[in-house]
Amino acid sequence: MIDLGKPCQIIDIREHHEVDAGNIPASVHIPMADVLGRLGELRQDIPVIVYCKSGSRAAAMVHILCVDKKMGNVLQLEGGIESWAKNVNPKLNVF
């Protein structure tokens, strides 16, 4: 989506100490524990992509947002930032 210039909102749900290792450019940091209290910050008009370190926390959050909160525009970054670092930006040291 980023490479194609398609609008999206990227949400990093990792803890503060994890974000210090690096993040995806233009992502918004909202720790997982805070997401439900900050739903108003999530866009409704474009895809919202949620990521964590490896994907498991993001999968749980996407399930909650899609099923419980009825948000149809939320996606998970499969493999999390580890996959991003491996496949998109190898200079990012998050391991």
C-alpha atoms as a PDB file:
ATOM      1  CA  MET A   1       0.000   0.000   0.000  1.00  0.00           C
ATOM      2  CA  ILE A   2       2.785   2.395   0.898  1.00  0.00           C
ATOM      3  CA  ASP A   3       4.715   1.666  -2.292  1.00  0.00           C
ATOM      4  CA  LEU A   4       1.540   2.125  -4.350  1.00  0.00           C
ATOM      5  CA  GLY A   5       0.766   5.432  -2.664  1.00  0.00           C
ATOM      6  CA  LYS A   6      -2.501   4.136  -1.252  1.00  0.00           C
ATOM      7  CA  PRO A   7      -3.611   5.856   1.934  1.00  0.00           C
ATOM      8  CA  CYS A   8      -3.485   3.809   5.111  1.00  0.00           C
ATOM      9  CA  GLN A   9      -2.944   4.291   8.814  1.00  0.00           C
ATOM     10  CA  ILE A  10      -0.238   2.157  10.423  1.00  0.00           C
ATOM     11  CA  ILE A  11      -0.578   1.454  14.143  1.00  0.00           C
ATOM     12  CA  ASP A  12       2.337   0.093  16.190  1.00  0.00           C
ATOM     13  CA  ILE A  13       0.911  -1.669  19.262  1.00  0.00           C
ATOM     14  CA  ARG A  14       4.251  -2.674  20.791  1.00  0.00           C
ATOM     15  CA  GLU A  15       5.403  -1.479  24.198  1.00  0.00           C
ATOM     16  CA  HIS A  16       7.471   1.703  24.535  1.00  0.00           C
ATOM     17  CA  HIS A  17      10.761  -0.173  25.015  1.00  0.00           C
ATOM     18  CA  GLU A  18      10.136  -2.168  21.818  1.00  0.00           C
ATOM     19  CA  VAL A  19       9.573   0.954  19.742  1.00  0.00           C
ATOM     20  CA  ASP A  20      13.016   2.219  20.762  1.00  0.00           C
ATOM     21  CA  ALA A  21      14.540  -0.519  18.561  1.00  0.00           C
ATOM     22  CA  GLY A  22      12.907   1.006  15.481  1.00  0.00           C
ATOM     23  CA  ASN A  23       9.560   1.310  13.758  1.00  0.00           C
ATOM     24  CA  ILE A  24       7.852   1.598  10.413  1.00  0.00           C
ATOM     25  CA  PRO A  25       7.996   5.162   9.079  1.00  0.00           C
ATOM     26  CA  ALA A  26       4.796   7.160   9.587  1.00  0.00           C
ATOM     27  CA  SER A  27       3.384   4.630  12.037  1.00  0.00           C
ATOM     28  CA  VAL A  28       1.460   5.808  15.086  1.00  0.00           C
ATOM     29  CA  HIS A  29       2.455   4.249  18.396  1.00  0.00           C
ATOM     30  CA  ILE A  30      -0.517   3.180  20.514  1.00  0.00           C
ATOM     31  CA  PRO A  31       0.449   0.448  23.003  1.00  0.00           C
ATOM     32  CA  MET A  32      -1.871  -2.560  22.864  1.00  0.00           C
ATOM     33  CA  ALA A  33      -3.251  -1.857  26.343  1.00  0.00           C
ATOM     34  CA  ASP A  34      -4.298   1.638  25.205  1.00  0.00           C
ATOM     35  CA  VAL A  35      -5.897   0.877  21.835  1.00  0.00           C
ATOM     36  CA  LEU A  36      -9.476   0.383  23.034  1.00  0.00           C
ATOM     37  CA  GLY A  37      -9.320   3.602  25.026  1.00  0.00           C
ATOM     38  CA  ARG A  38      -8.060   5.478  21.971  1.00  0.00           C
ATOM     39  CA  LEU A  39     -10.437   4.148  19.305  1.00  0.00           C
ATOM     40  CA  GLY A  40     -11.193   7.703  18.225  1.00  0.00           C
ATOM     41  CA  GLU A  41      -7.653   7.954  16.841  1.00  0.00           C
ATOM     42  CA  LEU A  42      -8.198   5.044  14.432  1.00  0.00           C
ATOM     43  CA  ARG A  43      -9.287   6.092  10.970  1.00  0.00           C
ATOM     44  CA  GLN A  44     -12.586   4.796   9.626  1.00  0.00           C
ATOM     45  CA  ASP A  45     -12.134   5.942   6.025  1.00  0.00           C
ATOM     46  CA  ILE A  46      -8.902   4.147   5.071  1.00  0.00           C
ATOM     47  CA  PRO A  47      -7.307   0.789   5.901  1.00  0.00           C
ATOM     48  CA  VAL A  48      -5.780   0.587   9.378  1.00  0.00           C
ATOM     49  CA  ILE A  49      -2.795  -1.750   9.554  1.00  0.00           C
ATOM     50  CA  VAL A  50      -1.846  -3.016  13.005  1.00  0.00           C
ATOM     51  CA  TYR A  51       1.552  -4.465  13.832  1.00  0.00           C
ATOM     52  CA  CYS A  52       3.578  -5.759  16.751  1.00  0.00           C
ATOM     53  CA  LYS A  53       6.901  -7.613  16.932  1.00  0.00           C
ATOM     54  CA  SER A  54       5.957 -10.950  15.359  1.00  0.00           C
ATOM     55  CA  GLY A  55       2.248 -10.702  14.615  1.00  0.00           C
ATOM     56  CA  SER A  56       0.549 -12.527  17.483  1.00  0.00           C
ATOM     57  CA  ARG A  57      -0.516  -9.462  19.490  1.00  0.00           C
ATOM     58  CA  ALA A  58      -1.598  -7.699  16.301  1.00  0.00           C
ATOM     59  CA  ALA A  59      -3.725 -10.713  15.318  1.00  0.00           C
ATOM     60  CA  ALA A  60      -5.488 -10.585  18.686  1.00  0.00           C
ATOM     61  CA  MET A  61      -6.054  -6.826  18.399  1.00  0.00           C
ATOM     62  CA  VAL A  62      -7.348  -7.078  14.838  1.00  0.00           C
ATOM     63  CA  HIS A  63      -9.801  -9.747  15.986  1.00  0.00           C
ATOM     64  CA  ILE A  64     -11.084  -7.498  18.771  1.00  0.00           C
ATOM     65  CA  LEU A  65     -11.389  -4.485  16.478  1.00  0.00           C
ATOM     66  CA  CYS A  66     -13.083  -6.381  13.660  1.00  0.00           C
ATOM     67  CA  VAL A  67     -15.361  -8.667  15.675  1.00  0.00           C
ATOM     68  CA  ASP A  68     -16.109  -6.788  18.887  1.00  0.00           C
ATOM     69  CA  LYS A  69     -15.860  -3.213  17.599  1.00  0.00           C
ATOM     70  CA  LYS A  70     -17.240  -3.986  14.103  1.00  0.00           C
ATOM     71  CA  MET A  71     -14.417  -2.201  12.290  1.00  0.00           C
ATOM     72  CA  GLY A  72     -14.213  -3.560   8.758  1.00  0.00           C
ATOM     73  CA  ASN A  73     -11.092  -1.662   7.703  1.00  0.00           C
ATOM     74  CA  VAL A  74      -8.508  -3.184  10.062  1.00  0.00           C
ATOM     75  CA  LEU A  75      -5.713  -5.452   8.836  1.00  0.00           C
ATOM     76  CA  GLN A  76      -2.699  -7.144  10.406  1.00  0.00           C
ATOM     77  CA  LEU A  77       0.852  -6.780   9.172  1.00  0.00           C
ATOM     78  CA  GLU A  78       1.633 -10.478   8.889  1.00  0.00           C
ATOM     79  CA  GLY A  79       4.854 -11.358  10.676  1.00  0.00           C
ATOM     80  CA  GLY A  80       5.030  -7.989  12.418  1.00  0.00           C
ATOM     81  CA  ILE A  81       7.996  -5.678  12.359  1.00  0.00           C
ATOM     82  CA  GLU A  82      10.321  -8.690  12.265  1.00  0.00           C
ATOM     83  CA  SER A  83       8.945  -9.537   8.827  1.00  0.00           C
ATOM     84  CA  TRP A  84       9.114  -5.872   7.779  1.00  0.00           C
ATOM     85  CA  ALA A  85      12.768  -5.708   8.828  1.00  0.00           C
ATOM     86  CA  LYS A  86      13.593  -8.927   6.997  1.00  0.00           C
ATOM     87  CA  ASN A  87      11.694  -8.205   3.773  1.00  0.00           C
ATOM     88  CA  VAL A  88      11.451  -4.430   3.455  1.00  0.00           C
ATOM     89  CA  ASN A  89      14.112  -2.708   5.542  1.00  0.00           C
ATOM     90  CA  PRO A  90      17.023  -4.994   6.482  1.00  0.00           C
ATOM     91  CA  LYS A  91      18.822  -2.041   8.097  1.00  0.00           C
ATOM     92  CA  LEU A  92      16.189  -2.022  10.845  1.00  0.00           C
ATOM     93  CA  ASN A  93      17.603  -4.001  13.776  1.00  0.00           C
ATOM     94  CA  VAL A  94      14.599  -5.230  15.752  1.00  0.00           C
ATOM     95  CA  PHE A  95      15.733  -8.765  16.515  1.00  0.00           C
END
